[in-house]
Amino acid sequence: MRKSTFLAVPTLALGALTLAAAPASAHAEDTWSSQATLNTLNNSGTTGDVMVDVHGTEATVTMNVTGAAETFMDGPFPHAQHIHIAAQGVCPPPTADTDGDGVVSTPEGHPFYGMIGTSLTTEGDTSADSALAVERFPGGSAYTYERTFELDAATAESLQNGTAVVVVHGVDPAKMPAAAAEKMSSLNEELPLAATLPAACGTLTASQMGAMPEGGADTGVTQETGSGTETAALGGGLLAAVAGGAWALRRRAARA
């Protein structure tokens, strides 16, 4: 059983996507949980569930994701994932597609789920500055994610008032309308739209569960493959390589 890695690439600046993190304001004695069911967006087939367990200023996030875009070349397709905050606290409907390309892009979803409060990375920074740090996100068609980190005040507030939304990104271009599959992302012109397109979404609400669902080790990601289960080695990124490679093949196939 082998581990797959991506070519290392720099993390990109996020422009309007960035939301500055603030110091956490939760009291040390506070303990509470939120959960969400992740439903498919943009015909991705991606679904899952999320639990956020807060103890004082720390949060433990556990996610189970299935049906996601599986591979890019020789490695698992990386899936950026975030807690979006401070908007309506809902997932966007199909009518949010304002440019008529048949998909709801990340910016088209902002009025509904808000800007990024927390990036659910596998290691390192969890602020919005890491929104496109794909070398530090899980990948593949199915994975379990678990990580404990310091919770910033803005995300904690949205969790408490019901406006926090988890969004998983990355859609197989074969499942997108042809016109959208050919487009580059408005978040960064080096990325195809498919790489940043929302694939699943769910609003975090007060949990009725007494314990976290079982998952992987802290900061770890377990990736399921056709030959079993392996720990995903996420040492590199997608970015410029994704903009060529497989998407060039996709375009040639579309013309055939």
Protein backbone atom coordinates (compact mmCIF):
# COMPACT_ATOMS: atom_id res chain seq x y z
CA MET A 1 0.00 0.00 0.00
CA ARG A 2 1.67 3.24 -1.12
CA LYS A 3 1.37 6.86 -0.05
CA SER A 4 0.74 9.54 -2.66
CA THR A 5 2.07 13.08 -2.53
CA PHE A 6 1.56 16.25 -4.54
CA LEU A 7 4.23 18.56 -5.93
CA ALA A 8 5.03 21.27 -3.40
CA VAL A 9 3.73 24.72 -4.33
CA PRO A 10 3.46 28.02 -2.45
CA THR A 11 0.33 28.99 -0.58
CA LEU A 12 -1.45 31.80 -2.42
CA ALA A 13 -2.70 35.16 -1.19
CA LEU A 14 -6.45 35.17 -0.71
CA GLY A 15 -7.57 38.72 -1.29
CA ALA A 16 -11.26 39.14 -0.54
CA LEU A 17 -11.48 35.61 0.82
CA THR A 18 -9.38 36.47 3.89
CA LEU A 19 -11.01 37.22 7.24
CA ALA A 20 -8.59 38.26 9.98
CA ALA A 21 -8.65 36.03 13.05
CA ALA A 22 -9.14 37.52 16.50
CA PRO A 23 -8.14 36.15 19.89
CA ALA A 24 -10.59 33.61 21.26
CA SER A 25 -13.06 34.97 23.78
CA ALA A 26 -14.63 31.76 25.06
CA HIS A 27 -14.31 31.21 28.79
CA ALA A 28 -12.06 28.37 29.89
CA GLU A 29 -14.96 26.60 31.64
CA ASP A 30 -17.22 26.62 28.54
CA THR A 31 -17.93 23.21 27.02
CA TRP A 32 -20.36 22.76 24.14
CA SER A 33 -20.74 21.03 20.79
CA SER A 34 -22.13 21.70 17.33
CA GLN A 35 -22.75 19.32 14.46
CA ALA A 36 -23.72 19.40 10.80
CA THR A 37 -24.69 17.09 7.97
CA LEU A 38 -22.77 17.91 4.79
CA ASN A 39 -25.01 17.88 1.73
CA THR A 40 -23.92 17.82 -1.90
CA LEU A 41 -23.39 21.07 -3.80
CA ASN A 42 -22.76 21.49 -7.52
CA ASN A 43 -23.63 17.89 -8.39
CA SER A 44 -20.38 16.76 -6.73
CA GLY A 45 -21.77 13.68 -5.00
CA THR A 46 -19.82 14.69 -1.87
CA THR A 47 -21.53 14.16 1.50
CA GLY A 48 -20.46 13.84 5.12
CA ASP A 49 -20.88 14.87 8.73
CA VAL A 50 -19.06 17.21 11.12
CA MET A 51 -18.79 17.54 14.89
CA VAL A 52 -17.21 20.55 16.62
CA ASP A 53 -16.54 19.98 20.33
CA VAL A 54 -15.47 23.13 22.20
CA HIS A 55 -13.65 23.13 25.56
CA GLY A 56 -12.83 26.65 26.67
CA THR A 57 -10.81 28.23 23.89
CA GLU A 58 -10.03 24.95 22.11
CA ALA A 59 -12.10 23.18 19.47
CA THR A 60 -11.85 19.58 18.28
CA VAL A 61 -13.29 19.09 14.79
CA THR A 62 -14.13 15.63 13.48
CA MET A 63 -15.29 15.17 9.88
CA ASN A 64 -16.26 12.15 7.80
CA VAL A 65 -16.43 12.81 4.05
CA THR A 66 -17.40 10.45 1.22
CA GLY A 67 -18.13 10.71 -2.49
CA ALA A 68 -15.54 13.44 -3.07
CA ALA A 69 -13.39 13.93 -6.18
CA GLU A 70 -10.90 11.08 -5.97
CA THR A 71 -7.61 11.60 -7.77
CA PHE A 72 -5.39 14.03 -9.56
CA MET A 73 -2.70 12.27 -11.58
CA ASP A 74 -0.91 9.98 -9.08
CA GLY A 75 -2.30 11.40 -5.86
CA PRO A 76 -5.57 12.07 -4.03
CA PHE A 77 -7.50 15.18 -5.08
CA PRO A 78 -6.99 17.73 -2.23
CA HIS A 79 -10.12 19.18 -0.62
CA ALA A 80 -9.91 22.61 0.98
CA GLN A 81 -12.39 22.79 3.87
CA HIS A 82 -13.40 25.68 6.08
CA ILE A 83 -15.81 27.01 8.66
CA HIS A 84 -17.50 30.02 7.05
CA ILE A 85 -19.02 32.60 9.38
CA ALA A 86 -20.94 35.83 9.98
CA ALA A 87 -23.57 35.71 7.24
CA GLN A 88 -26.96 33.99 6.90
CA GLY A 89 -25.63 30.68 8.17
CA VAL A 90 -27.12 28.66 5.30
CA CYS A 91 -25.90 26.81 2.23
CA PRO A 92 -26.52 28.51 -1.13
CA PRO A 93 -29.40 27.38 -3.37
CA PRO A 94 -28.93 26.76 -7.13
CA THR A 95 -30.32 30.24 -7.77
CA ALA A 96 -27.13 31.69 -6.25
CA ASP A 97 -25.50 30.98 -9.63
CA THR A 98 -25.56 34.62 -10.76
CA ASP A 99 -23.29 34.24 -13.79
CA GLY A 100 -25.32 31.42 -15.31
CA ASP A 101 -22.48 28.90 -15.75
CA GLY A 102 -24.47 26.12 -14.05
CA VAL A 103 -22.52 26.02 -10.76
CA VAL A 104 -22.43 28.06 -7.56
CA SER A 105 -18.87 29.32 -7.05
CA THR A 106 -17.32 30.18 -3.69
CA PRO A 107 -17.87 33.96 -4.10
CA GLU A 108 -21.48 33.36 -5.21
CA GLY A 109 -21.97 31.47 -1.94
CA HIS A 110 -20.50 34.18 0.29
CA PRO A 111 -23.82 36.03 0.89
CA PHE A 112 -25.26 32.79 2.28
CA TYR A 113 -22.46 31.11 4.26
CA GLY A 114 -20.15 34.08 4.75
CA MET A 115 -16.37 34.48 4.61
CA ILE A 116 -13.83 32.07 6.06
CA GLY A 117 -13.42 32.07 9.84
CA THR A 118 -11.33 28.90 10.19
CA SER A 119 -9.40 26.77 7.70
CA LEU A 120 -9.67 23.09 8.65
CA THR A 121 -6.07 22.23 7.78
CA THR A 122 -4.25 19.06 8.83
CA GLU A 123 -1.40 21.00 10.46
CA GLY A 124 -0.13 24.53 11.05
CA ASP A 125 -2.17 27.69 10.68
CA THR A 126 -5.99 27.47 10.81
CA SER A 127 -6.79 31.07 9.93
CA ALA A 128 -8.27 32.32 6.65
CA ASP A 129 -4.70 32.93 5.48
CA SER A 130 -4.54 29.16 4.86
CA ALA A 131 -7.72 29.03 2.78
CA LEU A 132 -5.93 27.70 -0.31
CA ALA A 133 -3.03 25.88 1.36
CA VAL A 134 -4.04 22.67 -0.40
CA GLU A 135 -0.88 20.85 0.70
CA ARG A 136 -2.34 21.00 4.24
CA PHE A 137 -5.86 19.74 3.50
CA PRO A 138 -7.09 16.14 3.28
CA GLY A 139 -7.63 14.50 -0.08
CA GLY A 140 -9.21 11.62 -1.96
CA SER A 141 -12.73 10.31 -2.38
CA ALA A 142 -13.29 9.47 1.32
CA TYR A 143 -11.52 10.55 4.49
CA THR A 144 -11.86 11.10 8.20
CA TYR A 145 -10.39 14.29 9.63
CA GLU A 146 -9.78 15.13 13.28
CA ARG A 147 -7.87 18.05 14.73
CA THR A 148 -7.77 20.11 17.94
CA PHE A 149 -6.77 23.77 17.71
CA GLU A 150 -7.24 27.18 19.34
CA LEU A 151 -10.62 28.63 18.36
CA ASP A 152 -10.72 32.29 17.31
CA ALA A 153 -13.38 34.60 18.73
CA ALA A 154 -15.22 35.28 15.45
CA THR A 155 -15.69 31.57 14.69
CA ALA A 156 -16.73 30.87 18.28
CA GLU A 157 -19.36 33.59 18.05
CA SER A 158 -20.80 32.18 14.81
CA LEU A 159 -20.85 28.68 16.30
CA GLN A 160 -22.81 29.97 19.26
CA ASN A 161 -25.30 32.02 17.25
CA GLY A 162 -25.91 29.38 14.56
CA THR A 163 -24.28 31.13 11.59
CA ALA A 164 -21.24 28.85 11.21
CA VAL A 165 -21.22 26.74 8.04
CA VAL A 166 -18.75 24.03 6.99
CA VAL A 167 -17.88 23.97 3.27
CA VAL A 168 -15.76 21.32 1.52
CA HIS A 169 -14.30 22.32 -1.86
CA GLY A 170 -13.12 20.50 -4.97
CA VAL A 171 -15.37 18.95 -7.65
CA ASP A 172 -14.53 16.46 -10.38
CA PRO A 173 -14.69 18.54 -13.58
CA ALA A 174 -16.41 15.63 -15.33
CA LYS A 175 -19.45 16.34 -13.11
CA MET A 176 -19.56 20.03 -14.04
CA PRO A 177 -21.23 21.71 -17.02
CA ALA A 178 -18.75 21.93 -19.90
CA ALA A 179 -18.52 25.73 -19.78
CA ALA A 180 -17.80 25.74 -16.04
CA ALA A 181 -15.27 22.91 -16.31
CA GLU A 182 -13.19 25.05 -18.69
CA LYS A 183 -13.12 28.09 -16.40
CA MET A 184 -10.37 29.21 -14.05
CA SER A 185 -11.14 30.13 -10.44
CA SER A 186 -11.87 33.77 -9.65
CA LEU A 187 -10.05 33.22 -6.33
CA ASN A 188 -6.78 32.60 -8.16
CA GLU A 189 -6.23 32.49 -11.90
CA GLU A 190 -3.69 29.66 -11.58
CA LEU A 191 -6.42 27.31 -10.35
CA PRO A 192 -9.26 25.77 -12.34
CA LEU A 193 -12.73 26.55 -11.04
CA ALA A 194 -13.15 22.85 -10.20
CA ALA A 195 -10.39 23.04 -7.56
CA THR A 196 -12.14 25.72 -5.47
CA LEU A 197 -15.78 24.95 -6.29
CA PRO A 198 -17.92 24.12 -3.21
CA ALA A 199 -18.63 20.38 -3.14
CA ALA A 200 -20.52 19.96 0.15
CA CYS A 201 -22.03 22.25 2.77
CA GLY A 202 -23.74 22.08 6.15
CA THR A 203 -24.82 24.51 8.88
CA LEU A 204 -23.44 23.76 12.36
CA THR A 205 -26.17 23.58 14.99
CA ALA A 206 -26.22 22.72 18.70
CA SER A 207 -25.39 19.03 19.11
CA GLN A 208 -27.60 16.52 20.88
CA MET A 209 -24.74 14.00 21.00
CA GLY A 210 -22.83 13.40 24.21
CA ALA A 211 -19.51 12.50 22.60
CA MET A 212 -17.46 13.04 19.49
CA PRO A 213 -17.83 10.53 16.66
CA GLU A 214 -14.90 8.15 16.32
CA GLY A 215 -12.22 9.40 13.95
CA GLY A 216 -8.51 9.56 13.24
CA ALA A 217 -5.74 10.80 15.45
CA ASP A 218 -5.33 14.49 16.27
CA THR A 219 -4.23 16.47 13.16
CA GLY A 220 -4.37 13.22 11.16
CA VAL A 221 -6.26 12.32 8.04
CA THR A 222 -7.19 8.76 7.12
CA GLN A 223 -7.86 8.31 3.44
CA GLU A 224 -9.78 5.39 2.01
CA THR A 225 -8.74 3.97 -1.34
CA GLY A 226 -9.93 1.15 -3.53
CA SER A 227 -7.32 -1.16 -2.00
CA GLY A 228 -8.06 -0.30 1.63
CA THR A 229 -7.24 2.56 3.99
CA GLU A 230 -4.03 4.52 4.21
CA THR A 231 -2.82 7.66 5.94
CA ALA A 232 -2.71 10.41 3.33
CA ALA A 233 0.70 12.00 2.85
CA LEU A 234 -0.11 15.61 2.07
CA GLY A 235 3.33 17.11 1.62
CA GLY A 236 2.63 19.00 -1.62
CA GLY A 237 -0.11 20.96 -3.44
CA LEU A 238 -2.28 21.07 -6.53
CA LEU A 239 -2.38 24.66 -7.80
CA ALA A 240 -0.40 25.24 -11.01
CA ALA A 241 -0.16 21.53 -11.84
CA VAL A 242 -3.93 21.17 -11.65
CA ALA A 243 -4.33 24.14 -13.97
CA GLY A 244 -2.62 22.03 -16.65
CA GLY A 245 -2.24 18.25 -16.58
CA ALA A 246 -5.56 16.57 -15.96
CA TRP A 247 -7.61 19.63 -16.91
CA ALA A 248 -5.85 19.82 -20.25
CA LEU A 249 -6.78 16.19 -20.78
CA ARG A 250 -10.35 17.01 -19.74
CA ARG A 251 -10.53 19.76 -22.37
CA ARG A 252 -9.18 17.50 -25.08
CA ALA A 253 -11.69 14.81 -24.13
CA ALA A 254 -14.52 17.32 -24.25
CA ARG A 255 -13.59 18.25 -27.80
CA ALA A 256 -13.38 14.64 -28.96
